Amino acid sequence: WVGEISERFLERFDVATGDRTGQIGGHGTEPGKFDGSSDVHAGPTDLAFDSAGNIYVNDPQGSRIMKLSPTGTALGAFTFGKAENVEPVAVDPRTGNVYVGRDIGVDIVCPF
């Protein structure tokens, strides 16, 4: 999976062939979409993966972290009010805790 900031997508590539095998996202506030105004490149900039292969991706202008299945299905989100620059994201594989940096510090989000 790779974040495409300008178009607000996540794209999945086959490691062996380099072929694109999937795409999710777009502009919006619903699960699996990325917020931001039309003059701001506000797509996903940071990804992390848990031990089950779930994807944790930031939505910087949407002030949230989304959890997606390994195939890209939206599983949930955690919001941070009006915080901007919600990045970076890391997952502790032992505990499942999600660590999120944002404009006023670092948060620890228990598994969601």
N, C-alpha and C. Protein backbone atom coordinates (compact mmCIF):
# COMPACT_ATOMS: atom_id res chain seq x y z
N TRP A 1 0.85 -1.18 0.00
CA TRP A 1 0.00 0.00 0.00
C TRP A 1 0.88 1.23 0.00
N VAL A 2 0.46 2.24 -0.75
CA VAL A 2 1.18 3.50 -0.84
C VAL A 2 0.16 4.63 -0.80
N GLY A 3 0.46 5.69 -0.05
CA GLY A 3 -0.42 6.84 -0.01
C GLY A 3 -0.18 7.76 -1.20
N GLU A 4 -1.24 8.25 -1.78
CA GLU A 4 -1.17 9.20 -2.89
C GLU A 4 -1.78 10.50 -2.38
N ILE A 5 -0.92 11.42 -1.95
CA ILE A 5 -1.35 12.63 -1.25
C ILE A 5 -2.26 13.51 -2.11
N SER A 6 -1.85 13.80 -3.32
CA SER A 6 -2.59 14.75 -4.15
C SER A 6 -4.00 14.29 -4.50
N GLU A 7 -4.14 13.01 -4.78
CA GLU A 7 -5.45 12.49 -5.19
C GLU A 7 -6.25 11.89 -4.04
N ARG A 8 -5.64 11.84 -2.84
CA ARG A 8 -6.31 11.32 -1.64
C ARG A 8 -6.71 9.85 -1.78
N PHE A 9 -5.77 9.03 -2.21
CA PHE A 9 -5.99 7.60 -2.37
C PHE A 9 -4.91 6.81 -1.66
N LEU A 10 -5.24 5.56 -1.38
CA LEU A 10 -4.24 4.54 -1.07
C LEU A 10 -4.25 3.59 -2.26
N GLU A 11 -3.06 3.22 -2.70
CA GLU A 11 -2.97 2.28 -3.81
C GLU A 11 -2.19 1.06 -3.37
N ARG A 12 -2.68 -0.11 -3.78
CA ARG A 12 -2.03 -1.37 -3.44
C ARG A 12 -1.28 -1.87 -4.67
N PHE A 13 -0.04 -2.31 -4.46
CA PHE A 13 0.78 -2.82 -5.55
C PHE A 13 1.23 -4.24 -5.25
N ASP A 14 1.36 -5.03 -6.29
CA ASP A 14 1.91 -6.38 -6.19
C ASP A 14 3.43 -6.23 -6.11
N VAL A 15 4.03 -6.75 -5.06
CA VAL A 15 5.46 -6.59 -4.85
C VAL A 15 6.27 -7.27 -5.95
N ALA A 16 5.81 -8.41 -6.43
CA ALA A 16 6.55 -9.16 -7.43
C ALA A 16 6.52 -8.52 -8.81
N THR A 17 5.36 -7.98 -9.19
CA THR A 17 5.22 -7.47 -10.56
C THR A 17 5.24 -5.95 -10.64
N GLY A 18 4.94 -5.27 -9.55
CA GLY A 18 4.83 -3.83 -9.57
C GLY A 18 3.50 -3.33 -10.08
N ASP A 19 2.59 -4.25 -10.41
CA ASP A 19 1.27 -3.88 -10.91
C ASP A 19 0.39 -3.35 -9.79
N ARG A 20 -0.42 -2.34 -10.11
CA ARG A 20 -1.39 -1.84 -9.14
C ARG A 20 -2.52 -2.84 -9.06
N THR A 21 -2.85 -3.25 -7.83
CA THR A 21 -3.87 -4.28 -7.64
C THR A 21 -5.09 -3.78 -6.89
N GLY A 22 -5.08 -2.52 -6.47
CA GLY A 22 -6.23 -1.99 -5.76
C GLY A 22 -6.07 -0.52 -5.46
N GLN A 23 -7.18 0.12 -5.19
CA GLN A 23 -7.17 1.53 -4.86
C GLN A 23 -8.40 1.83 -4.00
N ILE A 24 -8.19 2.60 -2.94
CA ILE A 24 -9.31 3.06 -2.13
C ILE A 24 -9.10 4.52 -1.80
N GLY A 25 -10.15 5.19 -1.42
CA GLY A 25 -10.03 6.57 -0.98
C GLY A 25 -10.82 7.52 -1.83
N GLY A 26 -10.27 8.71 -1.99
CA GLY A 26 -10.94 9.81 -2.65
C GLY A 26 -11.23 10.89 -1.64
N HIS A 27 -11.81 11.98 -2.10
CA HIS A 27 -12.11 13.10 -1.22
C HIS A 27 -13.44 12.90 -0.53
N GLY A 28 -13.47 13.07 0.78
CA GLY A 28 -14.71 12.95 1.53
C GLY A 28 -14.44 12.70 3.00
N THR A 29 -15.49 12.66 3.78
CA THR A 29 -15.35 12.45 5.22
C THR A 29 -15.85 11.09 5.66
N GLU A 30 -16.47 10.33 4.77
CA GLU A 30 -16.97 9.01 5.14
C GLU A 30 -15.80 8.03 5.28
N PRO A 31 -16.04 6.88 5.94
CA PRO A 31 -14.97 5.91 6.14
C PRO A 31 -14.29 5.52 4.83
N GLY A 32 -12.96 5.51 4.86
CA GLY A 32 -12.19 5.14 3.68
C GLY A 32 -11.89 6.29 2.74
N LYS A 33 -12.37 7.50 3.06
CA LYS A 33 -12.12 8.70 2.25
C LYS A 33 -11.24 9.65 3.05
N PHE A 34 -10.64 10.61 2.35
CA PHE A 34 -9.72 11.54 2.99
C PHE A 34 -10.20 12.97 2.81
N ASP A 35 -10.18 13.74 3.89
CA ASP A 35 -10.72 15.09 3.92
C ASP A 35 -9.70 16.08 3.38
N GLY A 36 -10.04 17.33 3.44
CA GLY A 36 -9.16 18.40 3.01
C GLY A 36 -9.85 19.26 1.97
N SER A 37 -9.40 20.48 1.85
CA SER A 37 -9.99 21.38 0.86
C SER A 37 -9.33 21.16 -0.49
N SER A 38 -9.94 21.68 -1.54
CA SER A 38 -9.46 21.43 -2.88
C SER A 38 -8.09 22.06 -3.15
N ASP A 39 -7.67 23.04 -2.36
CA ASP A 39 -6.38 23.67 -2.59
C ASP A 39 -5.29 23.12 -1.68
N VAL A 40 -5.59 22.09 -0.91
CA VAL A 40 -4.62 21.48 -0.02
C VAL A 40 -4.46 20.02 -0.41
N HIS A 41 -3.20 19.60 -0.56
CA HIS A 41 -2.95 18.18 -0.82
C HIS A 41 -3.04 17.46 0.52
N ALA A 42 -4.19 16.87 0.77
CA ALA A 42 -4.49 16.40 2.11
C ALA A 42 -4.74 14.91 2.19
N GLY A 43 -4.14 14.17 1.31
CA GLY A 43 -4.33 12.72 1.34
C GLY A 43 -3.45 12.06 2.37
N PRO A 44 -3.48 10.74 2.39
CA PRO A 44 -2.74 9.97 3.38
C PRO A 44 -1.23 10.11 3.21
N THR A 45 -0.55 10.35 4.32
CA THR A 45 0.91 10.49 4.28
C THR A 45 1.63 9.45 5.11
N ASP A 46 0.89 8.70 5.93
CA ASP A 46 1.57 7.76 6.82
C ASP A 46 0.71 6.52 7.02
N LEU A 47 1.36 5.36 6.95
CA LEU A 47 0.69 4.07 7.12
C LEU A 47 1.43 3.24 8.17
N ALA A 48 0.68 2.42 8.88
CA ALA A 48 1.26 1.43 9.79
C ALA A 48 0.40 0.18 9.69
N PHE A 49 0.97 -0.95 10.04
CA PHE A 49 0.27 -2.23 9.92
C PHE A 49 0.36 -2.98 11.24
N ASP A 50 -0.75 -3.64 11.63
CA ASP A 50 -0.71 -4.47 12.84
C ASP A 50 -0.37 -5.90 12.45
N SER A 51 -0.31 -6.77 13.45
CA SER A 51 0.10 -8.16 13.21
C SER A 51 -0.90 -8.94 12.36
N ALA A 52 -2.15 -8.46 12.23
CA ALA A 52 -3.15 -9.12 11.39
C ALA A 52 -3.16 -8.56 9.97
N GLY A 53 -2.28 -7.59 9.71
CA GLY A 53 -2.24 -6.98 8.37
C GLY A 53 -3.18 -5.82 8.18
N ASN A 54 -3.90 -5.42 9.24
CA ASN A 54 -4.78 -4.26 9.14
C ASN A 54 -3.92 -3.00 8.95
N ILE A 55 -4.49 -2.04 8.26
CA ILE A 55 -3.78 -0.82 7.92
C ILE A 55 -4.31 0.32 8.78
N TYR A 56 -3.40 1.10 9.34
CA TYR A 56 -3.75 2.31 10.07
C TYR A 56 -3.20 3.46 9.24
N VAL A 57 -4.08 4.33 8.78
CA VAL A 57 -3.67 5.41 7.88
C VAL A 57 -4.17 6.74 8.40
N ASN A 58 -3.34 7.75 8.25
CA ASN A 58 -3.75 9.07 8.73
C ASN A 58 -4.57 9.81 7.69
N ASP A 59 -5.42 10.67 8.19
CA ASP A 59 -6.19 11.62 7.39
C ASP A 59 -5.85 12.97 7.99
N PRO A 60 -4.73 13.59 7.56
CA PRO A 60 -4.19 14.76 8.25
C PRO A 60 -5.18 15.90 8.44
N GLN A 61 -5.91 16.28 7.41
CA GLN A 61 -6.84 17.39 7.52
C GLN A 61 -8.17 16.96 8.14
N GLY A 62 -8.46 15.68 8.12
CA GLY A 62 -9.68 15.16 8.73
C GLY A 62 -9.52 14.88 10.21
N SER A 63 -8.32 15.10 10.74
CA SER A 63 -8.03 14.92 12.17
C SER A 63 -8.39 13.53 12.66
N ARG A 64 -8.00 12.50 11.89
CA ARG A 64 -8.33 11.14 12.32
C ARG A 64 -7.33 10.13 11.78
N ILE A 65 -7.38 8.97 12.41
CA ILE A 65 -6.67 7.79 11.96
C ILE A 65 -7.75 6.79 11.59
N MET A 66 -7.63 6.17 10.43
CA MET A 66 -8.58 5.14 10.02
C MET A 66 -7.92 3.77 10.08
N LYS A 67 -8.73 2.79 10.43
CA LYS A 67 -8.29 1.40 10.42
C LYS A 67 -8.98 0.71 9.25
N LEU A 68 -8.17 0.08 8.40
CA LEU A 68 -8.68 -0.61 7.22
C LEU A 68 -8.24 -2.07 7.27
N SER A 69 -9.03 -2.94 6.68
CA SER A 69 -8.65 -4.35 6.59
C SER A 69 -7.50 -4.48 5.60
N PRO A 70 -6.86 -5.65 5.53
CA PRO A 70 -5.78 -5.84 4.56
C PRO A 70 -6.22 -5.65 3.11
N THR A 71 -7.52 -5.75 2.85
CA THR A 71 -8.02 -5.53 1.49
C THR A 71 -8.52 -4.11 1.28
N GLY A 72 -8.51 -3.28 2.34
CA GLY A 72 -8.90 -1.89 2.22
C GLY A 72 -10.29 -1.53 2.71
N THR A 73 -11.00 -2.47 3.29
CA THR A 73 -12.33 -2.19 3.83
C THR A 73 -12.21 -1.37 5.12
N ALA A 74 -12.98 -0.30 5.23
CA ALA A 74 -12.94 0.54 6.43
C ALA A 74 -13.46 -0.24 7.64
N LEU A 75 -12.67 -0.27 8.71
CA LEU A 75 -13.04 -0.98 9.94
C LEU A 75 -13.33 -0.05 11.11
N GLY A 76 -12.92 1.19 11.02
CA GLY A 76 -13.15 2.12 12.11
C GLY A 76 -12.26 3.33 11.98
N ALA A 77 -12.46 4.29 12.88
CA ALA A 77 -11.65 5.51 12.88
C ALA A 77 -11.57 6.06 14.29
N PHE A 78 -10.53 6.79 14.55
CA PHE A 78 -10.35 7.50 15.80
C PHE A 78 -10.09 8.95 15.46
N THR A 79 -10.89 9.86 15.99
CA THR A 79 -10.75 11.27 15.65
C THR A 79 -10.05 12.04 16.75
N PHE A 80 -9.47 13.17 16.36
CA PHE A 80 -8.70 14.00 17.28
C PHE A 80 -9.24 15.42 17.32
N GLY A 81 -10.54 15.60 17.25
CA GLY A 81 -11.10 16.94 17.29
C GLY A 81 -10.68 17.74 16.08
N LYS A 82 -10.13 18.91 16.29
CA LYS A 82 -9.72 19.76 15.17
C LYS A 82 -8.21 19.78 14.99
N ALA A 83 -7.51 18.80 15.54
CA ALA A 83 -6.06 18.75 15.39
C ALA A 83 -5.69 18.58 13.93
N GLU A 84 -4.66 19.27 13.49
CA GLU A 84 -4.16 19.10 12.14
C GLU A 84 -2.84 18.34 12.20
N ASN A 85 -2.38 17.95 11.05
CA ASN A 85 -1.10 17.24 10.94
C ASN A 85 -1.08 15.98 11.79
N VAL A 86 -2.11 15.17 11.67
CA VAL A 86 -2.19 13.91 12.40
C VAL A 86 -1.26 12.91 11.71
N GLU A 87 -0.02 12.87 12.19
CA GLU A 87 1.01 11.99 11.66
C GLU A 87 2.22 12.10 12.57
N PRO A 88 3.09 11.17 12.65
CA PRO A 88 3.10 9.85 12.04
C PRO A 88 2.23 8.87 12.82
N VAL A 89 2.17 7.64 12.31
CA VAL A 89 1.38 6.57 12.90
C VAL A 89 2.29 5.36 13.07
N ALA A 90 2.20 4.70 14.22
CA ALA A 90 2.94 3.46 14.45
C ALA A 90 2.06 2.52 15.26
N VAL A 91 2.24 1.22 15.06
CA VAL A 91 1.49 0.21 15.80
C VAL A 91 2.48 -0.71 16.50
N ASP A 92 2.27 -0.93 17.80
CA ASP A 92 3.08 -1.88 18.56
C ASP A 92 2.52 -3.27 18.29
N PRO A 93 3.26 -4.15 17.62
CA PRO A 93 2.72 -5.47 17.28
C PRO A 93 2.42 -6.35 18.49
N ARG A 94 3.04 -6.06 19.62
CA ARG A 94 2.80 -6.87 20.82
C ARG A 94 1.50 -6.53 21.51
N THR A 95 1.17 -5.23 21.56
CA THR A 95 -0.01 -4.79 22.31
C THR A 95 -1.16 -4.36 21.42
N GLY A 96 -0.86 -3.98 20.18
CA GLY A 96 -1.88 -3.44 19.30
C GLY A 96 -2.13 -1.96 19.52
N ASN A 97 -1.40 -1.35 20.48
CA ASN A 97 -1.56 0.08 20.70
C ASN A 97 -1.11 0.85 19.47
N VAL A 98 -1.84 1.92 19.18
CA VAL A 98 -1.53 2.78 18.04
C VAL A 98 -0.96 4.09 18.59
N TYR A 99 0.19 4.49 18.10
CA TYR A 99 0.84 5.72 18.52
C TYR A 99 0.69 6.74 17.39
N VAL A 100 0.21 7.92 17.74
CA VAL A 100 -0.09 8.93 16.75
C VAL A 100 0.55 10.25 17.16
N GLY A 101 1.35 10.80 16.28
CA GLY A 101 1.90 12.13 16.49
C GLY A 101 0.93 13.14 15.91
N ARG A 102 0.81 14.26 16.55
CA ARG A 102 -0.02 15.33 15.99
C ARG A 102 0.52 16.67 16.44
N ASP A 103 -0.13 17.74 16.06
CA ASP A 103 0.43 19.06 16.25
C ASP A 103 0.68 19.45 17.70
N ILE A 104 0.11 18.76 18.67
CA ILE A 104 0.34 19.12 20.08
C ILE A 104 0.97 18.01 20.89
N GLY A 105 1.49 16.96 20.27
CA GLY A 105 2.14 15.90 21.02
C GLY A 105 1.88 14.53 20.42
N VAL A 106 2.08 13.51 21.24
CA VAL A 106 1.88 12.12 20.83
C VAL A 106 0.76 11.52 21.66
N ASP A 107 -0.15 10.81 21.00
CA ASP A 107 -1.22 10.10 21.69
C ASP A 107 -1.02 8.61 21.55
N ILE A 108 -1.49 7.88 22.53
CA ILE A 108 -1.52 6.43 22.47
C ILE A 108 -2.99 6.04 22.41
N VAL A 109 -3.37 5.36 21.35
CA VAL A 109 -4.74 4.91 21.18
C VAL A 109 -4.74 3.41 21.37
N CYS A 110 -5.46 2.92 22.38
CA CYS A 110 -5.55 1.49 22.58
C CYS A 110 -6.19 0.86 21.35
N PRO A 111 -6.01 -0.42 21.14
CA PRO A 111 -6.55 -1.04 19.92
C PRO A 111 -8.00 -0.67 19.66
N PHE A 112 -8.29 -0.38 18.40
CA PHE A 112 -9.68 -0.08 18.02
C PHE A 112 -10.04 -0.82 16.77
